[in-house]
């Protein structure tokens, strides 16, 4: 994680049907929820992301990496790796993998702390999970 401070990053909580997105502030210190993309395939996900990337112009992308509780690479990690390969084909800047274990649990905790229920709105949870993933990256990178 050798990203310089003062850069904008796009955070992604990758899923087969939904991508939660978050963006850092221009100082590269604080992550905020953006949107959730509903996708039909990995190709559709990449095409929709290409439009977001053209708009946001991030200095780097941070993708949640779903390691197993033991820390081992899961089948889902291999799927995320294939997704990252497709992103890297057109995004000429760094793409970082961040351990996303428990990010959805943390996102649900945030919703509950606000006195709300998660309910059926999984899109909100995906956005918040992207915030958790991106904020981990921002907090752990060298200053």
C-alpha atoms as a PDB file:
ATOM      1  CA  UNK A   1       0.000   0.000   0.000  1.00  0.00           C
ATOM      2  CA  UNK A   2       2.332   2.753  -1.145  1.00  0.00           C
ATOM      3  CA  UNK A   3      -0.292   5.249  -2.238  1.00  0.00           C
ATOM      4  CA  UNK A   4       0.543   8.883  -1.607  1.00  0.00           C
ATOM      5  CA  UNK A   5      -1.803  10.948   0.569  1.00  0.00           C
ATOM      6  CA  UNK A   6      -3.984  13.523  -1.144  1.00  0.00           C
ATOM      7  CA  UNK A   7      -5.383  11.177  -3.754  1.00  0.00           C
ATOM      8  CA  UNK A   8      -8.942  10.165  -4.601  1.00  0.00           C
ATOM      9  CA  UNK A   9      -9.768   6.459  -4.425  1.00  0.00           C
ATOM     10  CA  UNK A  10     -12.775   4.472  -5.570  1.00  0.00           C
ATOM     11  CA  UNK A  11     -13.787   1.622  -3.256  1.00  0.00           C
ATOM     12  CA  UNK A  12     -15.664  -1.427  -4.534  1.00  0.00           C
ATOM     13  CA  UNK A  13     -17.581  -4.116  -2.671  1.00  0.00           C
ATOM     14  CA  UNK A  14     -17.759  -6.700  -5.476  1.00  0.00           C
ATOM     15  CA  UNK A  15     -20.721  -9.008  -5.862  1.00  0.00           C
ATOM     16  CA  UNK A  16     -22.149 -11.037  -8.717  1.00  0.00           C
ATOM     17  CA  UNK A  17     -25.358  -8.966  -8.848  1.00  0.00           C
ATOM     18  CA  UNK A  18     -24.401  -5.724  -7.109  1.00  0.00           C
ATOM     19  CA  UNK A  19     -21.327  -3.533  -6.721  1.00  0.00           C
ATOM     20  CA  UNK A  20     -21.270  -1.196  -3.757  1.00  0.00           C
ATOM     21  CA  UNK A  21     -19.208   1.913  -4.452  1.00  0.00           C
ATOM     22  CA  UNK A  22     -17.513   4.429  -2.179  1.00  0.00           C
ATOM     23  CA  UNK A  23     -15.213   7.361  -2.887  1.00  0.00           C
ATOM     24  CA  UNK A  24     -12.594   9.074  -0.796  1.00  0.00           C
ATOM     25  CA  UNK A  25     -12.475  12.809  -0.282  1.00  0.00           C
ATOM     26  CA  UNK A  26      -9.726  14.739  -2.153  1.00  0.00           C
ATOM     27  CA  UNK A  27      -7.400  14.482   0.858  1.00  0.00           C
ATOM     28  CA  UNK A  28      -7.603  10.691   0.734  1.00  0.00           C
ATOM     29  CA  UNK A  29      -8.657  10.499   4.385  1.00  0.00           C
ATOM     30  CA  UNK A  30     -12.415   9.903   4.505  1.00  0.00           C
ATOM     31  CA  UNK A  31     -14.553   7.386   2.593  1.00  0.00           C
ATOM     32  CA  UNK A  32     -18.163   8.169   1.668  1.00  0.00           C
ATOM     33  CA  UNK A  33     -20.854   6.023   0.100  1.00  0.00           C
ATOM     34  CA  UNK A  34     -21.587   6.678  -3.574  1.00  0.00           C
ATOM     35  CA  UNK A  35     -24.006   4.217  -5.152  1.00  0.00           C
ATOM     36  CA  UNK A  36     -24.781   0.587  -5.796  1.00  0.00           C
ATOM     37  CA  UNK A  37     -24.625  -0.725  -9.339  1.00  0.00           C
ATOM     38  CA  UNK A  38     -27.021  -3.506 -10.303  1.00  0.00           C
ATOM     39  CA  UNK A  39     -25.168  -5.757 -12.770  1.00  0.00           C
ATOM     40  CA  UNK A  40     -26.062  -8.703 -14.983  1.00  0.00           C
ATOM     41  CA  UNK A  41     -22.539 -10.076 -15.565  1.00  0.00           C
ATOM     42  CA  UNK A  42     -18.876  -9.338 -14.921  1.00  0.00           C
ATOM     43  CA  UNK A  43     -18.753  -7.667 -18.350  1.00  0.00           C
ATOM     44  CA  UNK A  44     -21.735  -5.463 -17.444  1.00  0.00           C
ATOM     45  CA  UNK A  45     -20.055  -4.616 -14.124  1.00  0.00           C
ATOM     46  CA  UNK A  46     -16.878  -3.503 -15.903  1.00  0.00           C
ATOM     47  CA  UNK A  47     -18.823  -1.432 -18.446  1.00  0.00           C
ATOM     48  CA  UNK A  48     -20.821   0.364 -15.746  1.00  0.00           C
ATOM     49  CA  UNK A  49     -17.650   0.920 -13.712  1.00  0.00           C
ATOM     50  CA  UNK A  50     -15.880   2.370 -16.731  1.00  0.00           C
ATOM     51  CA  UNK A  51     -18.489   5.168 -16.797  1.00  0.00           C
ATOM     52  CA  UNK A  52     -18.098   5.807 -13.045  1.00  0.00           C
ATOM     53  CA  UNK A  53     -14.301   5.851 -13.369  1.00  0.00           C
ATOM     54  CA  UNK A  54     -14.505   8.333 -16.260  1.00  0.00           C
ATOM     55  CA  UNK A  55     -16.599  10.599 -14.032  1.00  0.00           C
ATOM     56  CA  UNK A  56     -14.701  10.209 -10.727  1.00  0.00           C
ATOM     57  CA  UNK A  57     -11.184   9.963 -12.226  1.00  0.00           C
ATOM     58  CA  UNK A  58      -9.729   8.098  -9.228  1.00  0.00           C
ATOM     59  CA  UNK A  59      -5.997   7.825  -8.613  1.00  0.00           C
ATOM     60  CA  UNK A  60      -6.516   4.212  -7.528  1.00  0.00           C
ATOM     61  CA  UNK A  61      -9.185   1.590  -7.010  1.00  0.00           C
ATOM     62  CA  UNK A  62      -9.651  -0.427  -3.823  1.00  0.00           C
ATOM     63  CA  UNK A  63     -11.469  -3.743  -4.157  1.00  0.00           C
ATOM     64  CA  UNK A  64     -12.681  -5.854  -1.257  1.00  0.00           C
ATOM     65  CA  UNK A  65     -10.906  -9.225  -1.212  1.00  0.00           C
ATOM     66  CA  UNK A  66     -13.042 -11.948   0.395  1.00  0.00           C
ATOM     67  CA  UNK A  67     -10.447 -14.017   2.238  1.00  0.00           C
ATOM     68  CA  UNK A  68     -11.599 -16.994   4.259  1.00  0.00           C
ATOM     69  CA  UNK A  69     -11.715 -16.600   8.076  1.00  0.00           C
ATOM     70  CA  UNK A  70      -8.357 -18.435   8.171  1.00  0.00           C
ATOM     71  CA  UNK A  71      -6.866 -15.802   5.851  1.00  0.00           C
ATOM     72  CA  UNK A  72      -6.625 -18.261   2.955  1.00  0.00           C
ATOM     73  CA  UNK A  73      -7.700 -17.354  -0.580  1.00  0.00           C
ATOM     74  CA  UNK A  74     -11.263 -18.388  -1.362  1.00  0.00           C
ATOM     75  CA  UNK A  75     -12.945 -19.269  -4.660  1.00  0.00           C
ATOM     76  CA  UNK A  76     -14.578 -15.841  -4.421  1.00  0.00           C
ATOM     77  CA  UNK A  77     -11.059 -14.294  -4.323  1.00  0.00           C
ATOM     78  CA  UNK A  78     -10.302 -15.962  -7.642  1.00  0.00           C
ATOM     79  CA  UNK A  79     -13.494 -14.451  -9.060  1.00  0.00           C
ATOM     80  CA  UNK A  80     -12.451 -11.018  -7.759  1.00  0.00           C
ATOM     81  CA  UNK A  81      -9.002 -11.548  -9.324  1.00  0.00           C
ATOM     82  CA  UNK A  82     -10.645 -12.127 -12.736  1.00  0.00           C
ATOM     83  CA  UNK A  83     -12.740  -8.983 -12.218  1.00  0.00           C
ATOM     84  CA  UNK A  84      -9.601  -6.993 -11.325  1.00  0.00           C
ATOM     85  CA  UNK A  85      -7.853  -8.290 -14.461  1.00  0.00           C
ATOM     86  CA  UNK A  86     -10.689  -6.851 -16.557  1.00  0.00           C
ATOM     87  CA  UNK A  87     -10.460  -3.514 -14.733  1.00  0.00           C
ATOM     88  CA  UNK A  88      -6.686  -3.413 -15.139  1.00  0.00           C
ATOM     89  CA  UNK A  89      -7.093  -3.832 -18.904  1.00  0.00           C
ATOM     90  CA  UNK A  90      -8.356  -0.231 -19.173  1.00  0.00           C
ATOM     91  CA  UNK A  91      -7.504   1.393 -15.827  1.00  0.00           C
ATOM     92  CA  UNK A  92      -3.832   2.322 -15.940  1.00  0.00           C
ATOM     93  CA  UNK A  93      -3.480   3.149 -12.259  1.00  0.00           C
ATOM     94  CA  UNK A  94      -3.043   1.003  -9.137  1.00  0.00           C
ATOM     95  CA  UNK A  95      -5.729  -1.436  -8.045  1.00  0.00           C
ATOM     96  CA  UNK A  96      -5.466  -2.546  -4.421  1.00  0.00           C
ATOM     97  CA  UNK A  97      -6.964  -5.615  -2.755  1.00  0.00           C
ATOM     98  CA  UNK A  98      -8.162  -5.116   0.829  1.00  0.00           C
ATOM     99  CA  UNK A  99      -9.272  -7.871   3.186  1.00  0.00           C
ATOM    100  CA  UNK A 100     -13.026  -7.462   3.342  1.00  0.00           C
ATOM    101  CA  UNK A 101     -13.756 -10.019   6.044  1.00  0.00           C
ATOM    102  CA  UNK A 102     -16.586  -8.777   8.260  1.00  0.00           C
ATOM    103  CA  UNK A 103     -17.130  -5.585   6.205  1.00  0.00           C
ATOM    104  CA  UNK A 104     -20.816  -6.478   5.704  1.00  0.00           C
ATOM    105  CA  UNK A 105     -21.170  -7.122   9.439  1.00  0.00           C
ATOM    106  CA  UNK A 106     -19.600  -3.727  10.184  1.00  0.00           C
ATOM    107  CA  UNK A 107     -21.926  -2.096   7.637  1.00  0.00           C
ATOM    108  CA  UNK A 108     -24.972  -3.714   9.287  1.00  0.00           C
ATOM    109  CA  UNK A 109     -23.690  -2.516  12.679  1.00  0.00           C
ATOM    110  CA  UNK A 110     -23.582   1.056  11.331  1.00  0.00           C
ATOM    111  CA  UNK A 111     -27.184   0.776  10.125  1.00  0.00           C
ATOM    112  CA  UNK A 112     -28.281  -0.592  13.497  1.00  0.00           C
ATOM    113  CA  UNK A 113     -26.328   2.112  15.357  1.00  0.00           C
ATOM    114  CA  UNK A 114     -28.414   4.657  13.448  1.00  0.00           C
ATOM    115  CA  UNK A 115     -31.533   2.978  14.835  1.00  0.00           C
ATOM    116  CA  UNK A 116     -32.504   1.545  11.475  1.00  0.00           C
ATOM    117  CA  UNK A 117     -33.023  -1.951  10.121  1.00  0.00           C
ATOM    118  CA  UNK A 118     -31.143  -3.483   7.225  1.00  0.00           C
ATOM    119  CA  UNK A 119     -34.334  -4.979   5.839  1.00  0.00           C
ATOM    120  CA  UNK A 120     -34.553  -5.710   2.142  1.00  0.00           C
ATOM    121  CA  UNK A 121     -32.364  -2.820   0.996  1.00  0.00           C
ATOM    122  CA  UNK A 122     -29.193  -4.801   0.327  1.00  0.00           C
ATOM    123  CA  UNK A 123     -27.983  -1.995  -1.960  1.00  0.00           C
ATOM    124  CA  UNK A 124     -27.478   0.280   1.050  1.00  0.00           C
ATOM    125  CA  UNK A 125     -25.518  -2.465   2.807  1.00  0.00           C
ATOM    126  CA  UNK A 126     -23.317  -2.916  -0.289  1.00  0.00           C
ATOM    127  CA  UNK A 127     -22.536   0.826  -0.366  1.00  0.00           C
ATOM    128  CA  UNK A 128     -21.697   0.843   3.333  1.00  0.00           C
ATOM    129  CA  UNK A 129     -19.519  -2.273   2.950  1.00  0.00           C
ATOM    130  CA  UNK A 130     -17.622  -0.391   0.201  1.00  0.00           C
ATOM    131  CA  UNK A 131     -17.141   2.494   2.660  1.00  0.00           C
ATOM    132  CA  UNK A 132     -15.772   0.088   5.298  1.00  0.00           C
ATOM    133  CA  UNK A 133     -13.385  -1.492   2.768  1.00  0.00           C
ATOM    134  CA  UNK A 134     -12.153   1.859   1.462  1.00  0.00           C
ATOM    135  CA  UNK A 135     -11.812   3.356   4.940  1.00  0.00           C
ATOM    136  CA  UNK A 136      -9.665   0.369   6.024  1.00  0.00           C
ATOM    137  CA  UNK A 137      -7.370   1.066   3.093  1.00  0.00           C
ATOM    138  CA  UNK A 138      -7.200   4.793   3.829  1.00  0.00           C
ATOM    139  CA  UNK A 139      -6.502   4.195   7.523  1.00  0.00           C
ATOM    140  CA  UNK A 140      -3.790   1.581   6.932  1.00  0.00           C
ATOM    141  CA  UNK A 141      -1.802   3.196   4.163  1.00  0.00           C
ATOM    142  CA  UNK A 142       1.381   5.093   5.015  1.00  0.00           C
ATOM    143  CA  UNK A 143       1.109   8.855   5.362  1.00  0.00           C
END
